[in-house]
Amino acid sequence: MDKKFAERFTVEWLDAWNAHDLDKILSHYAEDFEMCSPVITQLLGEPLGRLRGTKAVRDYWAKALALVPDLRFEWQATLLGVDSITLCYKGARGRMVAEVFHFDPADRIIRVEAHYAV
């Protein structure tokens, strides 16, 4: 994973989320990416906590943004892997979050795993 790409991705991703711009957020993702999060189970009742594809995830994120209209992410750290980046940030109500983003060779996200502090 290239450090400059990771730094640029971090800024662009956080800026898009803090602007609540779903089009900009989703511009980083492959069309059929997979999202894994315990919040999917909480908000949608999806027992496996998984969604696939931009349409399903857009609907989920739109619902989440409607529930927390003042949502802002505060960056804490960017961690590099082989073909992945982990972003650590404070999310809703200051809760610590780590999201692991796996990328394809074209630098599009193909899988995300969200983890939340207990």
N, C-alpha and C. Protein backbone atom coordinates (compact mmCIF):
# COMPACT_ATOMS: atom_id res chain seq x y z
N MET A 1 0.85 -1.18 0.00
CA MET A 1 0.00 0.00 0.00
C MET A 1 0.90 1.24 0.00
N ASP A 2 0.62 2.15 -0.88
CA ASP A 2 1.40 3.37 -1.05
C ASP A 2 0.97 4.42 -0.01
N LYS A 3 1.95 4.99 0.68
CA LYS A 3 1.67 5.96 1.74
C LYS A 3 0.93 7.19 1.21
N LYS A 4 1.33 7.70 0.05
CA LYS A 4 0.68 8.89 -0.51
C LYS A 4 -0.78 8.61 -0.86
N PHE A 5 -1.03 7.43 -1.43
CA PHE A 5 -2.41 7.05 -1.72
C PHE A 5 -3.21 6.99 -0.42
N ALA A 6 -2.65 6.37 0.60
CA ALA A 6 -3.35 6.23 1.88
C ALA A 6 -3.67 7.60 2.48
N GLU A 7 -2.73 8.52 2.42
CA GLU A 7 -2.97 9.86 2.95
C GLU A 7 -4.06 10.57 2.18
N ARG A 8 -4.01 10.48 0.85
CA ARG A 8 -5.03 11.13 0.00
C ARG A 8 -6.40 10.49 0.25
N PHE A 9 -6.44 9.17 0.29
CA PHE A 9 -7.70 8.47 0.55
C PHE A 9 -8.29 8.90 1.88
N THR A 10 -7.47 8.97 2.92
CA THR A 10 -7.95 9.35 4.25
C THR A 10 -8.63 10.71 4.21
N VAL A 11 -7.98 11.69 3.62
CA VAL A 11 -8.54 13.05 3.56
C VAL A 11 -9.83 13.07 2.74
N GLU A 12 -9.80 12.45 1.56
CA GLU A 12 -10.98 12.46 0.69
C GLU A 12 -12.16 11.74 1.34
N TRP A 13 -11.91 10.60 1.96
CA TRP A 13 -12.98 9.79 2.57
C TRP A 13 -13.59 10.54 3.74
N LEU A 14 -12.75 11.08 4.61
CA LEU A 14 -13.26 11.82 5.77
C LEU A 14 -14.01 13.08 5.35
N ASP A 15 -13.47 13.81 4.38
CA ASP A 15 -14.14 15.02 3.90
C ASP A 15 -15.52 14.68 3.31
N ALA A 16 -15.60 13.61 2.54
CA ALA A 16 -16.87 13.20 1.94
C ALA A 16 -17.89 12.83 3.02
N TRP A 17 -17.44 12.07 4.02
CA TRP A 17 -18.35 11.71 5.10
C TRP A 17 -18.79 12.94 5.90
N ASN A 18 -17.86 13.81 6.21
CA ASN A 18 -18.21 14.98 7.01
C ASN A 18 -19.10 15.96 6.24
N ALA A 19 -19.09 15.87 4.92
CA ALA A 19 -20.00 16.66 4.09
C ALA A 19 -21.32 15.92 3.85
N HIS A 20 -21.40 14.67 4.30
CA HIS A 20 -22.57 13.81 4.10
C HIS A 20 -22.88 13.65 2.61
N ASP A 21 -21.84 13.56 1.79
CA ASP A 21 -21.96 13.46 0.34
C ASP A 21 -21.83 11.99 -0.08
N LEU A 22 -22.98 11.31 -0.20
CA LEU A 22 -22.95 9.88 -0.51
C LEU A 22 -22.31 9.58 -1.86
N ASP A 23 -22.48 10.45 -2.85
CA ASP A 23 -21.86 10.21 -4.15
C ASP A 23 -20.33 10.22 -4.03
N LYS A 24 -19.79 11.20 -3.32
CA LYS A 24 -18.33 11.26 -3.13
C LYS A 24 -17.84 10.08 -2.30
N ILE A 25 -18.59 9.72 -1.27
CA ILE A 25 -18.20 8.57 -0.45
C ILE A 25 -18.12 7.33 -1.33
N LEU A 26 -19.19 7.07 -2.06
CA LEU A 26 -19.26 5.84 -2.87
C LEU A 26 -18.32 5.84 -4.07
N SER A 27 -17.77 6.99 -4.43
CA SER A 27 -16.84 7.03 -5.56
C SER A 27 -15.57 6.23 -5.30
N HIS A 28 -15.30 5.90 -4.06
CA HIS A 28 -14.11 5.13 -3.70
C HIS A 28 -14.32 3.61 -3.78
N TYR A 29 -15.56 3.19 -3.99
CA TYR A 29 -15.92 1.78 -3.86
C TYR A 29 -16.21 1.12 -5.21
N ALA A 30 -15.85 -0.15 -5.33
CA ALA A 30 -16.25 -0.96 -6.49
C ALA A 30 -17.77 -1.17 -6.41
N GLU A 31 -18.40 -1.35 -7.54
CA GLU A 31 -19.86 -1.48 -7.61
C GLU A 31 -20.41 -2.60 -6.72
N ASP A 32 -19.69 -3.71 -6.63
CA ASP A 32 -20.20 -4.88 -5.89
C ASP A 32 -19.46 -5.12 -4.58
N PHE A 33 -18.93 -4.06 -3.97
CA PHE A 33 -18.15 -4.23 -2.74
C PHE A 33 -19.03 -4.79 -1.62
N GLU A 34 -18.35 -5.35 -0.62
CA GLU A 34 -19.05 -5.89 0.54
C GLU A 34 -18.75 -5.04 1.76
N MET A 35 -19.80 -4.73 2.51
CA MET A 35 -19.69 -3.96 3.75
C MET A 35 -20.09 -4.86 4.90
N CYS A 36 -19.24 -4.93 5.93
CA CYS A 36 -19.52 -5.74 7.12
C CYS A 36 -19.48 -4.81 8.33
N SER A 37 -20.56 -4.80 9.10
CA SER A 37 -20.63 -3.92 10.26
C SER A 37 -21.72 -4.39 11.22
N PRO A 38 -21.44 -4.34 12.52
CA PRO A 38 -22.51 -4.66 13.47
C PRO A 38 -23.65 -3.65 13.43
N VAL A 39 -23.39 -2.45 12.94
CA VAL A 39 -24.45 -1.44 12.85
C VAL A 39 -25.47 -1.83 11.77
N ILE A 40 -25.04 -2.57 10.76
CA ILE A 40 -25.97 -3.07 9.75
C ILE A 40 -27.03 -3.93 10.43
N THR A 41 -26.59 -4.77 11.35
CA THR A 41 -27.53 -5.61 12.09
C THR A 41 -28.46 -4.75 12.93
N GLN A 42 -27.92 -3.74 13.60
CA GLN A 42 -28.73 -2.88 14.47
C GLN A 42 -29.77 -2.08 13.69
N LEU A 43 -29.35 -1.45 12.58
CA LEU A 43 -30.24 -0.57 11.83
C LEU A 43 -31.19 -1.30 10.89
N LEU A 44 -30.69 -2.38 10.29
CA LEU A 44 -31.48 -3.05 9.26
C LEU A 44 -31.99 -4.42 9.66
N GLY A 45 -31.52 -4.93 10.79
CA GLY A 45 -31.93 -6.27 11.20
C GLY A 45 -31.32 -7.37 10.36
N GLU A 46 -30.29 -7.05 9.60
CA GLU A 46 -29.59 -8.04 8.77
C GLU A 46 -28.73 -8.91 9.69
N PRO A 47 -29.09 -10.18 9.89
CA PRO A 47 -28.43 -11.00 10.93
C PRO A 47 -26.94 -11.20 10.74
N LEU A 48 -26.46 -11.23 9.50
CA LEU A 48 -25.02 -11.44 9.27
C LEU A 48 -24.23 -10.14 9.30
N GLY A 49 -24.92 -8.99 9.31
CA GLY A 49 -24.24 -7.71 9.35
C GLY A 49 -23.48 -7.40 8.08
N ARG A 50 -23.96 -7.93 6.94
CA ARG A 50 -23.27 -7.76 5.66
C ARG A 50 -24.22 -7.23 4.60
N LEU A 51 -23.69 -6.33 3.77
CA LEU A 51 -24.41 -5.86 2.59
C LEU A 51 -23.46 -5.91 1.41
N ARG A 52 -24.02 -6.09 0.22
CA ARG A 52 -23.19 -6.11 -0.99
C ARG A 52 -23.77 -5.13 -2.01
N GLY A 53 -22.87 -4.33 -2.59
CA GLY A 53 -23.23 -3.44 -3.68
C GLY A 53 -23.56 -2.03 -3.23
N THR A 54 -23.31 -1.09 -4.15
CA THR A 54 -23.48 0.32 -3.82
C THR A 54 -24.93 0.69 -3.53
N LYS A 55 -25.89 0.08 -4.20
CA LYS A 55 -27.30 0.41 -3.95
C LYS A 55 -27.69 0.06 -2.51
N ALA A 56 -27.38 -1.15 -2.09
CA ALA A 56 -27.75 -1.58 -0.73
C ALA A 56 -27.04 -0.74 0.33
N VAL A 57 -25.77 -0.47 0.10
CA VAL A 57 -25.00 0.28 1.10
C VAL A 57 -25.42 1.75 1.10
N ARG A 58 -25.72 2.30 -0.07
CA ARG A 58 -26.20 3.70 -0.13
C ARG A 58 -27.47 3.85 0.71
N ASP A 59 -28.40 2.93 0.57
CA ASP A 59 -29.64 2.99 1.34
C ASP A 59 -29.35 2.91 2.84
N TYR A 60 -28.45 2.03 3.22
CA TYR A 60 -28.06 1.88 4.64
C TYR A 60 -27.43 3.17 5.16
N TRP A 61 -26.47 3.73 4.41
CA TRP A 61 -25.80 4.95 4.86
C TRP A 61 -26.76 6.13 4.89
N ALA A 62 -27.67 6.21 3.93
CA ALA A 62 -28.66 7.30 3.94
C ALA A 62 -29.52 7.22 5.20
N LYS A 63 -29.91 6.02 5.58
CA LYS A 63 -30.70 5.85 6.80
C LYS A 63 -29.89 6.26 8.03
N ALA A 64 -28.63 5.86 8.07
CA ALA A 64 -27.77 6.21 9.20
C ALA A 64 -27.58 7.73 9.30
N LEU A 65 -27.36 8.39 8.17
CA LEU A 65 -27.18 9.84 8.17
C LEU A 65 -28.47 10.56 8.59
N ALA A 66 -29.60 10.02 8.22
CA ALA A 66 -30.88 10.63 8.63
C ALA A 66 -31.07 10.51 10.15
N LEU A 67 -30.59 9.41 10.71
CA LEU A 67 -30.72 9.21 12.16
C LEU A 67 -29.74 10.06 12.97
N VAL A 68 -28.59 10.39 12.35
CA VAL A 68 -27.56 11.19 13.03
C VAL A 68 -27.17 12.34 12.09
N PRO A 69 -28.03 13.36 11.96
CA PRO A 69 -27.80 14.42 10.97
C PRO A 69 -26.56 15.26 11.23
N ASP A 70 -26.04 15.27 12.45
CA ASP A 70 -24.84 16.05 12.75
C ASP A 70 -23.59 15.17 12.80
N LEU A 71 -23.64 13.99 12.20
CA LEU A 71 -22.51 13.06 12.23
C LEU A 71 -21.25 13.68 11.64
N ARG A 72 -20.16 13.57 12.39
CA ARG A 72 -18.84 13.99 11.93
C ARG A 72 -17.84 12.95 12.42
N PHE A 73 -16.85 12.68 11.57
CA PHE A 73 -15.78 11.77 11.93
C PHE A 73 -14.53 12.57 12.23
N GLU A 74 -13.86 12.21 13.32
CA GLU A 74 -12.62 12.87 13.73
C GLU A 74 -11.47 11.87 13.60
N TRP A 75 -10.60 12.11 12.65
CA TRP A 75 -9.49 11.21 12.34
C TRP A 75 -8.56 11.03 13.54
N GLN A 76 -8.12 9.79 13.74
CA GLN A 76 -7.17 9.45 14.80
C GLN A 76 -5.89 8.85 14.23
N ALA A 77 -6.01 7.92 13.27
CA ALA A 77 -4.81 7.27 12.70
C ALA A 77 -5.18 6.57 11.40
N THR A 78 -4.17 6.45 10.54
CA THR A 78 -4.28 5.66 9.32
C THR A 78 -3.20 4.59 9.39
N LEU A 79 -3.62 3.33 9.26
CA LEU A 79 -2.70 2.19 9.34
C LEU A 79 -2.64 1.52 7.98
N LEU A 80 -1.41 1.19 7.53
CA LEU A 80 -1.22 0.58 6.22
C LEU A 80 -1.04 -0.92 6.31
N GLY A 81 -1.66 -1.64 5.38
CA GLY A 81 -1.47 -3.07 5.22
C GLY A 81 -0.90 -3.34 3.84
N VAL A 82 -0.98 -4.57 3.40
CA VAL A 82 -0.46 -4.94 2.08
C VAL A 82 -1.36 -4.38 0.98
N ASP A 83 -2.63 -4.72 1.02
CA ASP A 83 -3.60 -4.18 0.06
C ASP A 83 -4.79 -3.57 0.81
N SER A 84 -4.50 -3.04 1.97
CA SER A 84 -5.57 -2.50 2.80
C SER A 84 -5.09 -1.29 3.60
N ILE A 85 -6.08 -0.54 4.05
CA ILE A 85 -5.87 0.61 4.93
C ILE A 85 -6.86 0.46 6.07
N THR A 86 -6.43 0.76 7.28
CA THR A 86 -7.34 0.83 8.41
C THR A 86 -7.39 2.28 8.88
N LEU A 87 -8.60 2.83 8.89
CA LEU A 87 -8.79 4.18 9.42
C LEU A 87 -9.37 4.08 10.82
N CYS A 88 -8.74 4.78 11.73
CA CYS A 88 -9.23 4.87 13.11
C CYS A 88 -9.74 6.30 13.29
N TYR A 89 -10.96 6.41 13.78
CA TYR A 89 -11.56 7.73 13.95
C TYR A 89 -12.62 7.68 15.04
N LYS A 90 -12.97 8.86 15.51
CA LYS A 90 -14.09 8.98 16.44
C LYS A 90 -15.33 9.28 15.61
N GLY A 91 -16.38 8.52 15.87
CA GLY A 91 -17.63 8.67 15.14
C GLY A 91 -18.70 9.28 16.00
N ALA A 92 -19.91 8.78 15.84
CA ALA A 92 -21.07 9.29 16.58
C ALA A 92 -20.83 9.20 18.08
N ARG A 93 -21.14 10.29 18.77
CA ARG A 93 -21.00 10.39 20.22
C ARG A 93 -19.57 10.09 20.69
N GLY A 94 -18.58 10.36 19.84
CA GLY A 94 -17.18 10.17 20.22
C GLY A 94 -16.72 8.73 20.31
N ARG A 95 -17.53 7.82 19.81
CA ARG A 95 -17.19 6.39 19.86
C ARG A 95 -16.05 6.07 18.90
N MET A 96 -15.07 5.32 19.39
CA MET A 96 -13.92 4.94 18.58
C MET A 96 -14.32 3.89 17.55
N VAL A 97 -13.88 4.10 16.29
CA VAL A 97 -14.19 3.21 15.18
C VAL A 97 -12.90 2.89 14.43
N ALA A 98 -12.78 1.67 13.95
CA ALA A 98 -11.70 1.28 13.03
C ALA A 98 -12.35 0.59 11.85
N GLU A 99 -12.09 1.10 10.65
CA GLU A 99 -12.60 0.46 9.43
C GLU A 99 -11.43 -0.03 8.62
N VAL A 100 -11.50 -1.29 8.22
CA VAL A 100 -10.47 -1.90 7.39
C VAL A 100 -10.99 -1.92 5.95
N PHE A 101 -10.28 -1.25 5.06
CA PHE A 101 -10.65 -1.15 3.66
C PHE A 101 -9.70 -2.02 2.83
N HIS A 102 -10.25 -2.95 2.08
CA HIS A 102 -9.46 -3.79 1.18
C HIS A 102 -9.67 -3.27 -0.24
N PHE A 103 -8.57 -3.13 -0.98
CA PHE A 103 -8.60 -2.51 -2.30
C PHE A 103 -8.27 -3.50 -3.41
N ASP A 104 -8.85 -3.26 -4.59
CA ASP A 104 -8.48 -4.03 -5.77
C ASP A 104 -7.28 -3.35 -6.43
N PRO A 105 -6.73 -3.92 -7.51
CA PRO A 105 -5.56 -3.31 -8.16
C PRO A 105 -5.80 -1.90 -8.71
N ALA A 106 -7.07 -1.53 -8.93
CA ALA A 106 -7.40 -0.19 -9.42
C ALA A 106 -7.67 0.79 -8.28
N ASP A 107 -7.31 0.40 -7.05
CA ASP A 107 -7.50 1.23 -5.85
C ASP A 107 -8.96 1.52 -5.54
N ARG A 108 -9.84 0.61 -5.89
CA ARG A 108 -11.25 0.70 -5.53
C ARG A 108 -11.48 -0.24 -4.34
N ILE A 109 -12.31 0.17 -3.41
CA ILE A 109 -12.60 -0.64 -2.23
C ILE A 109 -13.49 -1.81 -2.64
N ILE A 110 -13.08 -3.02 -2.24
CA ILE A 110 -13.86 -4.21 -2.56
C ILE A 110 -14.48 -4.84 -1.31
N ARG A 111 -13.95 -4.49 -0.14
CA ARG A 111 -14.48 -5.03 1.11
C ARG A 111 -14.14 -4.07 2.25
N VAL A 112 -15.11 -3.90 3.15
CA VAL A 112 -14.91 -3.05 4.34
C VAL A 112 -15.40 -3.82 5.55
N GLU A 113 -14.62 -3.75 6.61
CA GLU A 113 -15.00 -4.32 7.89
C GLU A 113 -14.93 -3.22 8.92
N ALA A 114 -16.07 -2.90 9.53
CA ALA A 114 -16.14 -1.84 10.54
C ALA A 114 -16.11 -2.46 11.93
N HIS A 115 -15.32 -1.84 12.81
CA HIS A 115 -15.17 -2.30 14.20
C HIS A 115 -15.41 -1.11 15.11
N TYR A 116 -16.14 -1.35 16.21
CA TYR A 116 -16.53 -0.28 17.12
C TYR A 116 -16.07 -0.60 18.54
N ALA A 117 -15.61 0.43 19.24
CA ALA A 117 -15.20 0.25 20.64
C ALA A 117 -16.41 -0.18 21.47
N VAL A 118 -16.16 -1.05 22.42
CA VAL A 118 -17.24 -1.52 23.30
C VAL A 118 -17.31 -0.68 24.56
